[in-house]
Protein backbone atom coordinates (compact mmCIF):
# COMPACT_ATOMS: atom_id res chain seq x y z
CA UNK A 1 445.77 289.78 117.45
CA UNK A 2 443.82 290.91 114.61
CA UNK A 3 441.36 288.45 113.30
CA UNK A 4 440.65 289.78 110.07
CA UNK A 5 441.78 287.79 107.25
CA UNK A 6 444.61 289.39 104.76
CA UNK A 7 443.25 290.23 101.69
CA UNK A 8 444.43 287.69 98.83
CA UNK A 9 446.64 289.46 96.51
CA UNK A 10 445.57 290.31 92.79
CA UNK A 11 445.96 287.65 90.25
CA UNK A 12 448.76 288.34 87.72
CA UNK A 13 448.10 288.32 83.97
CA UNK A 14 451.35 287.24 82.98
CA UNK A 15 449.99 287.07 78.82
CA UNK A 16 449.05 291.11 79.43
CA UNK A 17 452.23 291.93 81.11
CA UNK A 18 454.33 289.94 77.90
CA UNK A 19 452.07 291.88 75.70
CA UNK A 20 453.01 295.16 77.46
CA UNK A 21 456.55 294.57 77.63
CA UNK A 22 457.19 293.45 73.84
CA UNK A 23 455.30 296.96 72.85
CA UNK A 24 457.70 298.69 75.32
CA UNK A 25 460.82 296.77 73.58
CA UNK A 26 459.70 297.93 69.83
CA UNK A 27 459.21 301.42 70.53
CA UNK A 28 462.96 301.27 71.59
CA UNK A 29 464.95 304.74 71.89
CA UNK A 30 465.10 307.81 69.93
CA UNK A 31 468.26 306.32 68.21
CA UNK A 32 466.63 304.07 65.95
CA UNK A 33 464.22 306.41 64.29
CA UNK A 34 467.18 308.92 63.50
CA UNK A 35 470.11 307.00 62.46
CA UNK A 36 468.66 306.63 59.21
CA UNK A 37 469.24 309.68 58.15
CA UNK A 38 472.54 310.33 57.58
CA UNK A 39 471.92 307.48 55.42
CA UNK A 40 468.91 308.48 53.50
CA UNK A 41 470.97 311.95 53.21
CA UNK A 42 474.04 310.12 51.31
CA UNK A 43 471.64 307.90 49.41
CA UNK A 44 469.84 311.11 47.72
CA UNK A 45 473.05 312.90 47.37
CA UNK A 46 474.39 309.93 45.65
CA UNK A 47 471.72 308.88 43.63
CA UNK A 48 470.80 312.53 42.32
CA UNK A 49 473.83 312.65 40.39
CA UNK A 50 477.01 312.96 42.73
CA UNK A 51 478.07 309.65 41.53
CA UNK A 52 476.91 309.41 37.87
CA UNK A 53 477.59 306.07 37.70
CA UNK A 54 474.65 305.29 40.89
CA UNK A 55 471.91 307.21 39.12
CA UNK A 56 470.65 310.75 38.00
CA UNK A 57 467.44 311.16 39.65
CA UNK A 58 466.23 314.81 39.82
CA UNK A 59 467.76 316.83 43.01
CA UNK A 60 464.37 318.10 43.86
CA UNK A 61 462.95 314.80 43.89
CA UNK A 62 465.55 313.20 46.06
CA UNK A 63 465.33 316.14 48.53
CA UNK A 64 461.54 316.08 48.91
CA UNK A 65 462.10 311.93 49.76
CA UNK A 66 464.94 312.99 52.37
CA UNK A 67 462.37 315.58 53.80
CA UNK A 68 460.05 312.54 54.21
CA UNK A 69 462.58 310.47 56.03
CA UNK A 70 463.34 313.39 58.52
CA UNK A 71 459.53 313.88 58.79
CA UNK A 72 459.21 310.21 59.67
CA UNK A 73 461.84 310.19 62.11
CA UNK A 74 460.17 313.26 63.97
CA UNK A 75 456.96 311.07 63.70
CA UNK A 76 458.84 308.12 65.26
CA UNK A 77 460.57 309.86 68.03
CA UNK A 78 457.61 311.77 68.91
CA UNK A 79 455.72 308.62 69.57
CA UNK A 80 458.13 306.94 71.28
CA UNK A 81 458.61 309.84 73.48
CA UNK A 82 454.73 310.35 74.64
CA UNK A 83 454.61 306.78 75.09
CA UNK A 84 457.62 306.72 77.62
CA UNK A 85 455.68 309.55 79.05
CA UNK A 86 452.05 308.39 78.87
CA UNK A 87 451.95 305.05 78.52
CA UNK A 88 450.31 304.80 81.83
CA UNK A 89 447.50 306.87 80.71
CA UNK A 90 446.58 305.20 77.44
CA UNK A 91 445.25 301.60 76.95
CA UNK A 92 447.59 299.32 75.52
CA UNK A 93 446.10 299.19 72.24
CA UNK A 94 446.61 302.63 71.54
CA UNK A 95 450.18 302.36 71.65
CA UNK A 96 450.09 299.20 69.53
CA UNK A 97 448.19 301.08 66.87
CA UNK A 98 450.84 304.05 66.94
CA UNK A 99 453.44 301.16 66.38
CA UNK A 100 451.78 299.77 63.29
CA UNK A 101 451.44 303.77 61.82
CA UNK A 102 454.91 304.82 62.64
CA UNK A 103 456.55 301.58 61.09
CA UNK A 104 454.11 300.63 58.40
CA UNK A 105 455.06 304.60 57.00
CA UNK A 106 458.60 303.66 57.56
CA UNK A 107 458.04 301.19 54.64
CA UNK A 108 456.65 303.57 52.96
CA UNK A 109 459.13 306.21 52.88
CA UNK A 110 462.00 303.83 52.20
CA UNK A 111 460.17 301.26 50.01
CA UNK A 112 459.89 304.15 47.97
CA UNK A 113 463.51 304.06 46.85
CA UNK A 114 462.69 301.11 44.54
CA UNK A 115 460.30 303.74 43.02
CA UNK A 116 462.05 307.23 42.70
CA UNK A 117 466.18 305.82 42.47
CA UNK A 118 465.67 303.48 39.72
CA UNK A 119 467.87 304.05 37.27
CA UNK A 120 466.69 301.73 34.11
CA UNK A 121 469.70 300.19 32.52
CA UNK A 122 472.07 300.84 35.06
CA UNK A 123 472.88 297.78 37.04
CA UNK A 124 475.13 299.52 39.11
CA UNK A 125 471.91 301.93 40.15
CA UNK A 126 470.17 298.60 40.49
CA UNK A 127 473.04 296.40 42.99
CA UNK A 128 472.92 299.77 44.94
CA UNK A 129 469.27 300.02 45.42
CA UNK A 130 468.98 296.62 46.14
CA UNK A 131 471.46 296.30 49.24
CA UNK A 132 469.55 299.58 50.66
CA UNK A 133 466.35 297.90 50.59
CA UNK A 134 467.78 294.89 52.04
CA UNK A 135 469.83 296.78 54.66
CA UNK A 136 466.24 298.81 55.67
CA UNK A 137 464.44 295.57 55.89
CA UNK A 138 466.94 293.87 58.18
CA UNK A 139 466.94 296.61 60.49
CA UNK A 140 463.04 296.90 60.73
CA UNK A 141 463.68 293.26 61.57
CA UNK A 142 465.82 293.62 64.58
CA UNK A 143 463.92 296.62 65.86
CA UNK A 144 460.41 294.55 65.77
CA UNK A 145 461.65 290.70 66.38
CA UNK A 146 459.94 290.78 69.76
CA UNK A 147 456.57 292.19 68.28
CA UNK A 148 455.96 289.42 65.58
CA UNK A 149 452.78 291.08 64.49
CA UNK A 150 453.77 294.88 63.45
CA UNK A 151 456.81 293.00 62.01
CA UNK A 152 454.86 291.04 60.19
CA UNK A 153 452.58 294.40 59.21
CA UNK A 154 455.70 296.04 58.40
CA UNK A 155 457.58 293.44 55.87
CA UNK A 156 454.05 293.06 54.29
CA UNK A 157 454.26 296.86 53.18
CA UNK A 158 457.81 296.81 52.12
CA UNK A 159 456.72 293.60 49.87
CA UNK A 160 453.88 295.62 48.55
CA UNK A 161 455.95 298.94 47.61
CA UNK A 162 459.10 296.97 46.33
CA UNK A 163 457.74 294.16 44.69
CA UNK A 164 455.52 296.42 42.75
CA UNK A 165 458.06 298.57 41.37
CA UNK A 166 460.20 295.54 40.51
CA UNK A 167 457.18 294.26 38.67
CA UNK A 168 456.81 297.69 36.87
CA UNK A 169 460.16 298.23 36.20
CA UNK A 170 460.33 294.85 34.45
CA UNK A 171 464.08 294.54 33.80
CA UNK A 172 466.02 291.23 34.27
CA UNK A 173 467.23 292.43 37.86
CA UNK A 174 463.68 293.79 38.66
CA UNK A 175 462.64 290.42 37.79
CA UNK A 176 465.32 288.89 39.98
CA UNK A 177 464.40 290.86 42.84
CA UNK A 178 460.77 290.56 42.30
CA UNK A 179 461.48 286.63 43.09
CA UNK A 180 464.11 286.93 45.40
CA UNK A 181 462.97 289.34 47.74
CA UNK A 182 459.76 287.74 48.92
CA UNK A 183 461.60 284.74 49.73
CA UNK A 184 464.08 286.49 51.66
CA UNK A 185 460.98 288.39 53.70
CA UNK A 186 459.24 284.80 53.83
CA UNK A 187 462.35 283.60 55.70
CA UNK A 188 462.46 286.64 57.80
CA UNK A 189 459.18 286.10 58.94
CA UNK A 190 459.39 282.39 59.45
CA UNK A 191 462.33 283.19 61.08
CA UNK A 192 460.80 286.21 63.14
CA UNK A 193 457.89 283.94 64.44
CA UNK A 194 460.51 281.57 66.35
CA UNK A 195 462.13 284.40 67.85
CA UNK A 196 459.14 286.17 68.78
CA UNK A 197 458.20 282.98 70.96
CA UNK A 198 461.48 282.87 72.39
CA UNK A 199 461.39 286.27 73.54
CA UNK A 200 457.78 285.74 74.97
CA UNK A 201 458.53 282.24 76.59
CA UNK A 202 461.61 284.22 78.38
CA UNK A 203 459.42 287.30 79.45
CA UNK A 204 456.67 284.92 80.50
CA UNK A 205 459.08 283.80 83.07
CA UNK A 206 460.41 286.63 83.87
CA UNK A 207 457.10 287.95 84.90
CA UNK A 208 456.13 284.98 86.86
CA UNK A 209 459.41 284.44 88.89
CA UNK A 210 459.02 288.15 90.00
CA UNK A 211 455.60 286.93 91.06
CA UNK A 212 456.43 284.13 92.79
CA UNK A 213 459.50 286.31 94.57
CA UNK A 214 456.62 288.82 95.29
CA UNK A 215 454.88 285.97 96.57
CA UNK A 216 457.21 284.68 99.01
CA UNK A 217 458.12 288.41 100.21
CA UNK A 218 454.66 288.80 101.14
CA UNK A 219 454.50 284.85 102.78
CA UNK A 220 457.72 285.81 104.64
CA UNK A 221 456.53 289.17 105.87
CA UNK A 222 453.44 287.87 106.85
CA UNK A 223 455.38 284.77 108.68
CA UNK A 224 457.20 287.46 110.53
CA UNK A 225 454.06 289.51 111.67
CA UNK A 226 452.71 286.66 113.17
CA UNK A 227 455.61 285.31 114.83
CA UNK A 228 456.03 288.68 116.18
CA UNK A 229 452.24 289.12 117.37
CA UNK A 230 452.70 285.45 118.62
CA UNK A 231 455.67 286.12 120.57
CA UNK A 232 454.01 288.99 122.25
CA UNK A 233 451.01 287.10 123.21
CA UNK A 234 452.84 283.81 124.28
CA UNK A 235 455.44 285.93 126.51
CA UNK A 236 452.79 287.49 129.29
CA UNK A 237 451.42 284.22 130.59
CA UNK A 238 454.58 282.71 130.00
CA UNK A 239 456.04 285.65 132.41
CA UNK A 240 453.69 284.74 134.87
CA UNK A 241 454.38 280.88 134.88
CA UNK A 242 458.01 281.55 135.33
CA UNK A 243 457.37 284.38 138.21
CA UNK A 244 454.90 282.14 139.99
CA UNK A 245 456.90 279.08 139.83
CA UNK A 246 460.19 280.94 140.84
CA UNK A 247 457.79 281.79 143.83
CA UNK A 248 456.93 278.74 144.79
CA UNK A 249 460.91 277.48 144.11
CA UNK A 250 462.21 279.95 146.65
CA UNK A 251 458.99 278.96 149.04
CA UNK A 252 457.75 282.61 149.29
CA UNK A 253 454.71 281.32 151.37
CA UNK A 254 456.39 278.34 152.76
CA UNK A 255 458.34 275.15 151.30
CA UNK A 256 456.52 273.19 148.78
CA UNK A 257 455.72 269.70 150.00
CA UNK A 258 455.88 266.64 149.28
CA UNK A 259 459.34 266.93 147.75
CA UNK A 260 458.19 265.26 144.34
CA UNK A 261 456.05 268.56 144.03
CA UNK A 262 458.91 270.77 144.51
CA UNK A 263 460.76 268.49 141.77
CA UNK A 264 457.60 269.43 139.38
CA UNK A 265 457.91 273.46 140.47
CA UNK A 266 461.53 272.74 138.95
CA UNK A 267 460.77 271.25 135.88
CA UNK A 268 457.72 274.11 134.81
CA UNK A 269 460.02 276.78 135.69
CA UNK A 270 462.83 275.46 133.49
CA UNK A 271 460.45 274.60 131.03
CA UNK A 272 458.93 278.12 131.11
CA UNK A 273 462.41 279.58 130.53
CA UNK A 274 463.31 277.72 127.66
CA UNK A 275 460.17 278.33 126.15
CA UNK A 276 460.76 282.13 126.80
CA UNK A 277 464.20 282.18 125.52
CA UNK A 278 462.69 280.30 121.96
CA UNK A 279 459.89 283.00 121.95
CA UNK A 280 462.78 285.71 122.28
CA UNK A 281 465.25 284.04 119.59
CA UNK A 282 461.59 283.97 117.68
CA UNK A 283 460.66 287.27 117.86
CA UNK A 284 464.53 288.46 117.45
CA UNK A 285 464.43 286.33 114.14
CA UNK A 286 461.69 287.57 113.02
CA UNK A 287 462.58 291.24 113.39
CA UNK A 288 465.91 290.77 111.25
CA UNK A 289 463.93 289.05 108.67
CA UNK A 290 461.25 292.09 108.24
CA UNK A 291 463.81 294.44 107.97
CA UNK A 292 462.63 296.29 111.41
CA UNK A 293 465.17 295.04 114.05
CA UNK A 294 466.70 298.96 114.34
CA UNK A 295 470.37 299.10 114.99
CA UNK A 296 471.94 301.81 117.35
CA UNK A 297 475.15 302.54 115.97
CA UNK A 298 477.79 303.77 118.46
CA UNK A 299 481.37 303.15 119.10
CA UNK A 300 482.10 299.61 121.14
CA UNK A 301 485.07 298.27 122.51
CA UNK A 302 484.71 294.56 121.48
CA UNK A 303 486.65 293.39 124.29
CA UNK A 304 484.23 294.92 126.95
CA UNK A 305 480.84 293.37 125.09
CA UNK A 306 482.65 289.87 125.29
CA UNK A 307 483.25 290.36 129.15
CA UNK A 308 479.46 291.38 129.98
CA UNK A 309 478.56 288.17 127.37
CA UNK A 310 480.46 285.71 129.65
CA UNK A 311 479.17 286.71 132.63
CA UNK A 312 475.90 286.56 131.48
CA UNK A 313 476.87 282.69 130.02
CA UNK A 314 478.65 281.76 133.34
CA UNK A 315 476.03 280.33 134.98
CA UNK A 316 475.56 278.04 132.06
CA UNK A 317 479.01 277.01 131.49
CA UNK A 318 478.67 276.15 135.35
CA UNK A 319 476.15 273.72 135.15
CA UNK A 320 477.50 272.13 132.35
CA UNK A 321 481.25 272.30 133.65
CA UNK A 322 482.69 273.94 130.84
CA UNK A 323 485.77 276.53 131.53
CA UNK A 324 485.33 280.39 129.78
CA UNK A 325 488.02 282.14 128.86
CA UNK A 326 489.00 285.41 127.27
CA UNK A 327 491.75 285.53 124.20
CA UNK A 328 491.83 288.81 122.61
CA UNK A 329 495.21 289.33 120.42
CA UNK A 330 494.09 292.87 118.83
CA UNK A 331 491.33 294.62 120.55
CA UNK A 332 489.12 296.85 118.29
CA UNK A 333 486.50 299.77 118.89
CA UNK A 334 483.64 299.39 116.05
CA UNK A 335 480.86 301.47 114.97
CA UNK A 336 477.50 298.56 116.09
CA UNK A 337 474.58 298.32 117.86
CA UNK A 338 476.04 297.31 121.05
CA UNK A 339 473.18 294.98 121.96
CA UNK A 340 473.63 293.12 118.91
CA UNK A 341 476.98 292.43 119.00
CA UNK A 342 476.70 291.09 122.63
CA UNK A 343 473.80 288.89 121.72
CA UNK A 344 475.87 287.78 118.99
CA UNK A 345 478.86 286.60 121.55
CA UNK A 346 476.21 285.37 123.73
CA UNK A 347 474.54 283.23 121.15
CA UNK A 348 478.13 281.95 120.33
CA UNK A 349 478.91 280.87 123.87
CA UNK A 350 476.03 279.48 124.60
CA UNK A 351 476.17 277.18 121.45
CA UNK A 352 480.01 276.37 122.51
CA UNK A 353 478.46 275.52 126.01
CA UNK A 354 475.76 273.37 125.08
CA UNK A 355 477.73 271.32 122.35
CA UNK A 356 480.59 270.89 124.92
CA UNK A 357 481.32 267.72 126.99
CA UNK A 358 482.11 268.43 130.89
CA UNK A 359 485.68 269.77 131.11
CA UNK A 360 485.75 271.18 127.96
CA UNK A 361 487.10 275.08 127.48
CA UNK A 362 485.50 277.92 125.31
CA UNK A 363 487.32 280.72 124.20
CA UNK A 364 486.44 284.04 122.97
CA UNK A 365 488.60 285.65 120.59
CA UNK A 366 489.32 288.96 118.81
CA UNK A 367 491.71 290.32 116.35
CA UNK A 368 491.88 292.72 113.39
CA UNK A 369 492.42 290.58 110.23
CA UNK A 370 494.07 291.68 107.04
CA UNK A 371 492.10 294.32 105.45
CA UNK A 372 491.27 296.23 108.72
CA UNK A 373 488.23 293.74 109.47
CA UNK A 374 487.40 293.41 113.26
CA UNK A 375 486.66 289.86 114.14
CA UNK A 376 484.91 288.74 117.46
CA UNK A 377 484.17 284.70 117.98
CA UNK A 378 484.24 281.83 119.98
CA UNK A 379 486.44 278.57 119.68
CA UNK A 380 485.03 275.53 121.71
CA UNK A 381 486.90 271.56 122.09
CA UNK A 382 483.22 270.71 121.59
CA UNK A 383 481.35 268.07 119.25
CA UNK A 384 482.28 270.26 115.86
CA UNK A 385 480.08 269.74 112.54
CA UNK A 386 480.58 268.26 109.26
CA UNK A 387 479.95 270.90 106.37
CA UNK A 388 476.67 269.71 105.83
CA UNK A 389 475.86 270.38 109.66
CA UNK A 390 477.29 273.59 109.12
CA UNK A 391 474.86 274.47 106.15
CA UNK A 392 472.10 273.00 108.18
CA UNK A 393 472.78 274.71 111.60
CA UNK A 394 472.78 278.24 109.62
CA UNK A 395 469.19 277.84 108.41
CA UNK A 396 466.12 278.76 110.66
CA UNK A 397 465.69 275.95 113.30
CA UNK A 398 468.06 273.45 111.66
CA UNK A 399 469.96 271.46 114.50
CA UNK A 400 473.44 270.74 113.49
CA UNK A 401 473.46 267.95 115.61
CA UNK A 402 470.52 265.82 117.18
CA UNK A 403 472.57 265.14 120.52
CA UNK A 404 470.92 266.59 123.50
CA UNK A 405 472.56 269.52 125.01
CA UNK A 406 473.02 270.26 128.62
CA UNK A 407 470.00 272.17 128.78
CA UNK A 408 467.78 269.85 126.20
CA UNK A 409 467.65 270.56 122.88
CA UNK A 410 468.29 273.97 121.25
CA UNK A 411 465.72 275.99 119.51
CA UNK A 412 467.95 275.90 116.13
CA UNK A 413 467.89 279.66 115.69
CA UNK A 414 471.23 280.93 117.42
CA UNK A 415 473.27 281.03 113.97
CA UNK A 416 470.48 282.25 112.02
CA UNK A 417 470.05 285.15 114.60
CA UNK A 418 473.84 285.44 114.55
CA UNK A 419 473.96 285.89 110.51
CA UNK A 420 470.83 288.33 110.27
CA UNK A 421 472.82 290.80 112.93
CA UNK A 422 476.08 290.51 111.42
CA UNK A 423 475.04 290.88 108.17
CA UNK A 424 472.83 293.85 109.17
CA UNK A 425 476.62 295.57 110.17
CA UNK A 426 477.20 294.79 106.11
CA UNK A 427 479.77 292.06 108.34
CA UNK A 428 480.12 287.98 107.45
CA UNK A 429 479.62 284.76 109.39
CA UNK A 430 482.57 282.62 109.15
CA UNK A 431 482.89 278.78 110.43
CA UNK A 432 485.41 276.28 110.72
CA UNK A 433 484.16 273.34 112.32
CA UNK A 434 485.45 269.86 112.54
CA UNK A 435 483.42 267.17 113.46
CA UNK A 436 484.71 265.45 117.03
CA UNK A 437 487.51 268.35 117.34
CA UNK A 438 485.40 271.13 117.68
CA UNK A 439 484.29 274.67 116.05
CA UNK A 440 485.65 278.05 115.92
CA UNK A 441 482.87 280.84 114.64
CA UNK A 442 483.69 284.32 114.47
CA UNK A 443 481.91 287.19 113.22
CA UNK A 444 483.97 289.65 111.08
CA UNK A 445 483.12 293.79 110.67
CA UNK A 446 483.93 295.57 107.52
CA UNK A 447 486.67 297.78 107.34
CA UNK A 448 484.37 301.08 107.35
CA UNK A 449 483.30 300.01 110.80
CA UNK A 450 486.42 300.05 112.78
CA UNK A 451 487.07 303.44 114.31
CA UNK A 452 490.62 302.28 115.80
CA UNK A 453 492.59 299.81 117.05
CA UNK A 454 492.59 299.30 120.83
CA UNK A 455 495.04 297.78 123.34
CA UNK A 456 494.68 294.02 123.80
CA UNK A 457 492.37 293.28 127.04
């Protein structure tokens, strides 16, 4: 085991992440920089005499304004493209300043509508100009809501350009607009402040949750690495303890005397084997949780693996006076890791034996369910579980029952390991259980792992 302490994770600057994300959101996509061009062309065409009631601005002046709108679209799109491509190569403040430049210049271009297209004494023209300017302001508001400072600067330029135009024109509607527009922008600014605050709170919560999730994953990996390392370190002396105790039990160098010592040797051997099983379970769980449990996928006949698992559990069942039986209704050949399948069935059988009274029956069953899902599992007449106990049993080290089993307390890792192994096969673990009646627990393999049906065993 390495004695070097793991380096602490870097501190997460949530405020900086939120600021960077608001800049990214404010840049948006290229669409928001070019979607106003058709509108600009239509306004210029209408104001330059195409519809006399709307105004009679010089066509050359209208063309210059359209050209300015096009130049702004190119400028904004280029800056947004540069941000997406080179964002990490420049300080955030550079991109913020460019955003100010993009949107304040937009306010100058579109605010000029009030200067260039105002037709004195034409209320129809005034109404259209008002609607056009309000539309531009609202569009800017929705584009920049998440970035309050850029929004306020943009609305400020809009107000300065448009309000000065209304004051200059001095007509009745212009005077009304000179009062209404500042009030409207003040309303938008106040509303935008609240929306921006909620944006930032949501972003801060998102980044804090991501940081917590990353910390949990690091802690989980560290735990799994620790368990794997400790399991390896503990197995070596345990194997020696078990080996020497077995030699003493078998009387390799003569009988153990007095008989009380022989009982102690039996206790040492049984405790060592139990601890070794627990360590092996810990190692399996650590590998599953860390994703390091490699699967060797081959064609596996479920009934053959079930028979091997039953032979492995038979000594345990004999000590507990529990009968084992095989009941394969429809056998199947699936693509799976044979060792993992065997381990799942052994764990299910071991649990059934542990929590069954003498004279009980544990049955390994198999079937092909609707949807071509191959199933293999164990049903027993043991203690059973309530829904709450089932939930607890699926947690690592969770014991569904505090009752002493035939061989002492279980490790609480059997079902979590089964769940991890079947999920590694993209399958599911199913539990049906009634307290005091028994349990029916099985695993289901997805349809794409079924190679073919086989004759029932």
